[in-house]
């Protein structure tokens, strides 16, 4: 069984470059543990997925995004 292909949310909105300063957008593509979601989960194209990874890593380095959102007890 094959699933329908997802469309890239960034391409649909006409976003060419993902900005690392946009915490709200980046937060949608990061799990609660702080991991970057895979393309299979987000439906992003390869270009935007690469930009997302770079933007999240830059935002983490500048402390705009946390490396880990919460600790497990």
N, C-alpha and C. Protein backbone atom coordinates (compact mmCIF):
# COMPACT_ATOMS: atom_id res chain seq x y z
N UNK A 1 0.82 -1.19 0.00
CA UNK A 1 0.00 0.00 0.00
C UNK A 1 0.86 1.25 0.00
N UNK A 2 0.52 2.17 -0.81
CA UNK A 2 1.29 3.40 -0.90
C UNK A 2 0.50 4.57 -0.37
N UNK A 3 1.16 5.42 0.37
CA UNK A 3 0.52 6.62 0.90
C UNK A 3 0.65 7.77 -0.09
N UNK A 4 -0.27 8.70 0.00
CA UNK A 4 -0.21 9.88 -0.86
C UNK A 4 0.99 10.74 -0.43
N UNK A 5 1.66 11.29 -1.40
CA UNK A 5 2.83 12.13 -1.11
C UNK A 5 2.40 13.42 -0.45
N UNK A 6 3.16 13.82 0.58
CA UNK A 6 2.88 15.08 1.26
C UNK A 6 3.54 16.21 0.49
N UNK A 7 2.94 17.35 0.53
CA UNK A 7 3.53 18.53 -0.10
C UNK A 7 4.35 19.29 0.93
N UNK A 8 5.40 19.89 0.48
CA UNK A 8 6.27 20.65 1.36
C UNK A 8 5.53 21.89 1.88
N UNK A 9 5.42 22.05 3.20
CA UNK A 9 4.72 23.21 3.74
C UNK A 9 5.42 24.54 3.42
N UNK A 10 6.73 24.50 3.27
CA UNK A 10 7.47 25.72 2.95
C UNK A 10 7.24 26.14 1.50
N UNK A 11 7.23 25.17 0.59
CA UNK A 11 7.00 25.47 -0.82
C UNK A 11 5.57 25.98 -1.03
N UNK A 12 4.63 25.41 -0.30
CA UNK A 12 3.24 25.85 -0.43
C UNK A 12 3.06 27.29 0.01
N UNK A 13 3.80 27.71 1.05
CA UNK A 13 3.70 29.08 1.56
C UNK A 13 4.61 30.05 0.82
N UNK A 14 5.40 29.55 -0.13
CA UNK A 14 6.27 30.41 -0.91
C UNK A 14 7.52 30.86 -0.18
N UNK A 15 7.97 30.09 0.81
CA UNK A 15 9.16 30.42 1.57
C UNK A 15 10.37 29.81 0.87
N UNK A 16 11.31 30.66 0.46
CA UNK A 16 12.50 30.16 -0.24
C UNK A 16 13.61 29.81 0.74
N UNK A 17 13.82 30.63 1.75
CA UNK A 17 14.87 30.41 2.73
C UNK A 17 14.26 30.33 4.13
N UNK A 18 14.75 29.40 4.93
CA UNK A 18 14.29 29.27 6.31
C UNK A 18 15.24 30.08 7.18
N UNK A 19 14.68 30.99 7.96
CA UNK A 19 15.47 31.89 8.79
C UNK A 19 15.65 31.28 10.18
N UNK A 20 16.88 31.28 10.68
CA UNK A 20 17.15 30.70 11.99
C UNK A 20 16.58 31.55 13.13
N UNK A 21 16.21 32.80 12.86
CA UNK A 21 15.67 33.68 13.89
C UNK A 21 14.18 33.46 14.14
N UNK A 22 13.53 32.73 13.25
CA UNK A 22 12.09 32.48 13.36
C UNK A 22 11.84 31.26 14.24
N UNK A 23 11.81 31.48 15.55
CA UNK A 23 11.69 30.39 16.52
C UNK A 23 10.36 29.66 16.42
N UNK A 24 9.32 30.37 16.12
CA UNK A 24 7.99 29.77 16.04
C UNK A 24 7.92 28.72 14.93
N UNK A 25 8.45 29.05 13.77
CA UNK A 25 8.45 28.12 12.64
C UNK A 25 9.37 26.93 12.93
N UNK A 26 10.54 27.19 13.46
CA UNK A 26 11.48 26.11 13.76
C UNK A 26 10.94 25.18 14.83
N UNK A 27 10.23 25.71 15.78
CA UNK A 27 9.67 24.91 16.86
C UNK A 27 8.67 23.87 16.39
N UNK A 28 8.02 24.12 15.25
CA UNK A 28 7.06 23.15 14.69
C UNK A 28 7.74 21.88 14.21
N UNK A 29 9.01 21.98 13.87
CA UNK A 29 9.73 20.86 13.28
C UNK A 29 10.74 20.23 14.22
N UNK A 30 10.59 20.49 15.52
CA UNK A 30 11.48 19.93 16.54
C UNK A 30 10.61 19.20 17.56
N UNK A 31 11.05 17.99 17.97
CA UNK A 31 10.28 17.22 18.94
C UNK A 31 10.43 17.79 20.34
N UNK A 32 9.72 17.19 21.27
CA UNK A 32 9.79 17.63 22.66
C UNK A 32 11.18 17.38 23.25
N UNK A 33 11.85 16.36 22.75
CA UNK A 33 13.21 16.06 23.22
C UNK A 33 14.25 16.94 22.54
N UNK A 34 13.85 17.73 21.54
CA UNK A 34 14.77 18.62 20.86
C UNK A 34 15.31 18.07 19.55
N UNK A 35 14.79 16.93 19.10
CA UNK A 35 15.27 16.34 17.85
C UNK A 35 14.57 16.96 16.65
N UNK A 36 15.29 17.06 15.55
CA UNK A 36 14.73 17.57 14.30
C UNK A 36 13.90 16.46 13.67
N UNK A 37 12.66 16.77 13.28
CA UNK A 37 11.80 15.77 12.68
C UNK A 37 12.28 15.39 11.28
N UNK A 38 12.06 14.15 10.92
CA UNK A 38 12.49 13.63 9.62
C UNK A 38 11.57 14.13 8.51
N UNK A 39 12.04 14.02 7.28
CA UNK A 39 11.25 14.42 6.12
C UNK A 39 9.98 13.61 6.01
N UNK A 40 10.05 12.35 6.40
CA UNK A 40 8.86 11.49 6.35
C UNK A 40 7.74 12.05 7.21
N UNK A 41 8.11 12.66 8.33
CA UNK A 41 7.12 13.18 9.27
C UNK A 41 6.60 14.56 8.84
N UNK A 42 7.50 15.40 8.34
CA UNK A 42 7.12 16.78 8.03
C UNK A 42 6.61 16.95 6.61
N UNK A 43 7.05 16.09 5.70
CA UNK A 43 6.65 16.21 4.30
C UNK A 43 7.42 17.27 3.54
N UNK A 44 8.56 17.68 4.09
CA UNK A 44 9.37 18.72 3.44
C UNK A 44 10.14 18.16 2.26
N UNK A 45 10.47 19.04 1.33
CA UNK A 45 11.33 18.65 0.22
C UNK A 45 12.78 18.63 0.73
N UNK A 46 13.67 18.06 -0.06
CA UNK A 46 15.06 17.89 0.37
C UNK A 46 15.74 19.24 0.63
N UNK A 47 15.49 20.22 -0.22
CA UNK A 47 16.13 21.52 -0.07
C UNK A 47 15.75 22.18 1.26
N UNK A 48 14.46 22.19 1.55
CA UNK A 48 14.01 22.83 2.78
C UNK A 48 14.39 22.03 4.02
N UNK A 49 14.48 20.71 3.92
CA UNK A 49 14.91 19.90 5.05
C UNK A 49 16.36 20.20 5.40
N UNK A 50 17.21 20.38 4.40
CA UNK A 50 18.61 20.74 4.66
C UNK A 50 18.68 22.12 5.30
N UNK A 51 17.90 23.07 4.79
CA UNK A 51 17.88 24.42 5.36
C UNK A 51 17.37 24.39 6.80
N UNK A 52 16.37 23.54 7.06
CA UNK A 52 15.82 23.42 8.40
C UNK A 52 16.87 22.94 9.38
N UNK A 53 17.63 21.91 9.00
CA UNK A 53 18.67 21.39 9.87
C UNK A 53 19.71 22.44 10.20
N UNK A 54 20.14 23.18 9.21
CA UNK A 54 21.12 24.24 9.42
C UNK A 54 20.55 25.34 10.31
N UNK A 55 19.29 25.73 10.06
CA UNK A 55 18.67 26.80 10.84
C UNK A 55 18.47 26.40 12.29
N UNK A 56 18.07 25.16 12.54
CA UNK A 56 17.88 24.69 13.92
C UNK A 56 19.21 24.66 14.65
N UNK A 57 20.24 24.19 13.99
CA UNK A 57 21.56 24.13 14.63
C UNK A 57 22.09 25.53 14.94
N UNK A 58 21.86 26.48 14.04
CA UNK A 58 22.28 27.86 14.31
C UNK A 58 21.49 28.47 15.46
N UNK A 59 20.19 28.21 15.48
CA UNK A 59 19.34 28.74 16.55
C UNK A 59 19.72 28.14 17.90
N UNK A 60 20.09 26.87 17.92
CA UNK A 60 20.55 26.25 19.16
C UNK A 60 21.83 26.89 19.64
N UNK A 61 22.77 27.11 18.73
CA UNK A 61 24.06 27.68 19.08
C UNK A 61 23.89 29.08 19.68
N UNK A 62 22.95 29.85 19.15
CA UNK A 62 22.72 31.20 19.64
C UNK A 62 21.71 31.25 20.79
N UNK A 63 21.31 30.08 21.29
CA UNK A 63 20.39 29.95 22.43
C UNK A 63 19.00 30.49 22.12
N UNK A 64 18.59 30.46 20.85
CA UNK A 64 17.22 30.81 20.49
C UNK A 64 16.31 29.61 20.66
N UNK A 65 16.87 28.42 20.45
CA UNK A 65 16.17 27.16 20.69
C UNK A 65 16.98 26.35 21.69
N UNK A 66 16.31 25.63 22.58
CA UNK A 66 17.07 24.79 23.51
C UNK A 66 17.55 23.51 22.83
N UNK A 67 18.65 22.98 23.31
CA UNK A 67 19.12 21.69 22.81
C UNK A 67 18.17 20.59 23.26
N UNK A 68 17.71 20.68 24.50
CA UNK A 68 16.76 19.72 25.06
C UNK A 68 15.65 20.53 25.74
N UNK A 69 14.41 20.22 25.41
CA UNK A 69 13.30 21.02 25.97
C UNK A 69 12.99 20.67 27.41
N UNK A 70 12.99 19.37 27.73
CA UNK A 70 12.71 18.97 29.11
C UNK A 70 13.53 17.73 29.42
N UNK A 71 13.76 17.53 30.71
CA UNK A 71 14.52 16.36 31.14
C UNK A 71 13.57 15.29 31.63
N UNK A 72 13.89 14.04 31.34
CA UNK A 72 13.08 12.90 31.83
C UNK A 72 13.51 12.58 33.26
N UNK A 73 12.57 12.32 34.10
CA UNK A 73 12.88 12.01 35.50
C UNK A 73 13.16 10.54 35.71
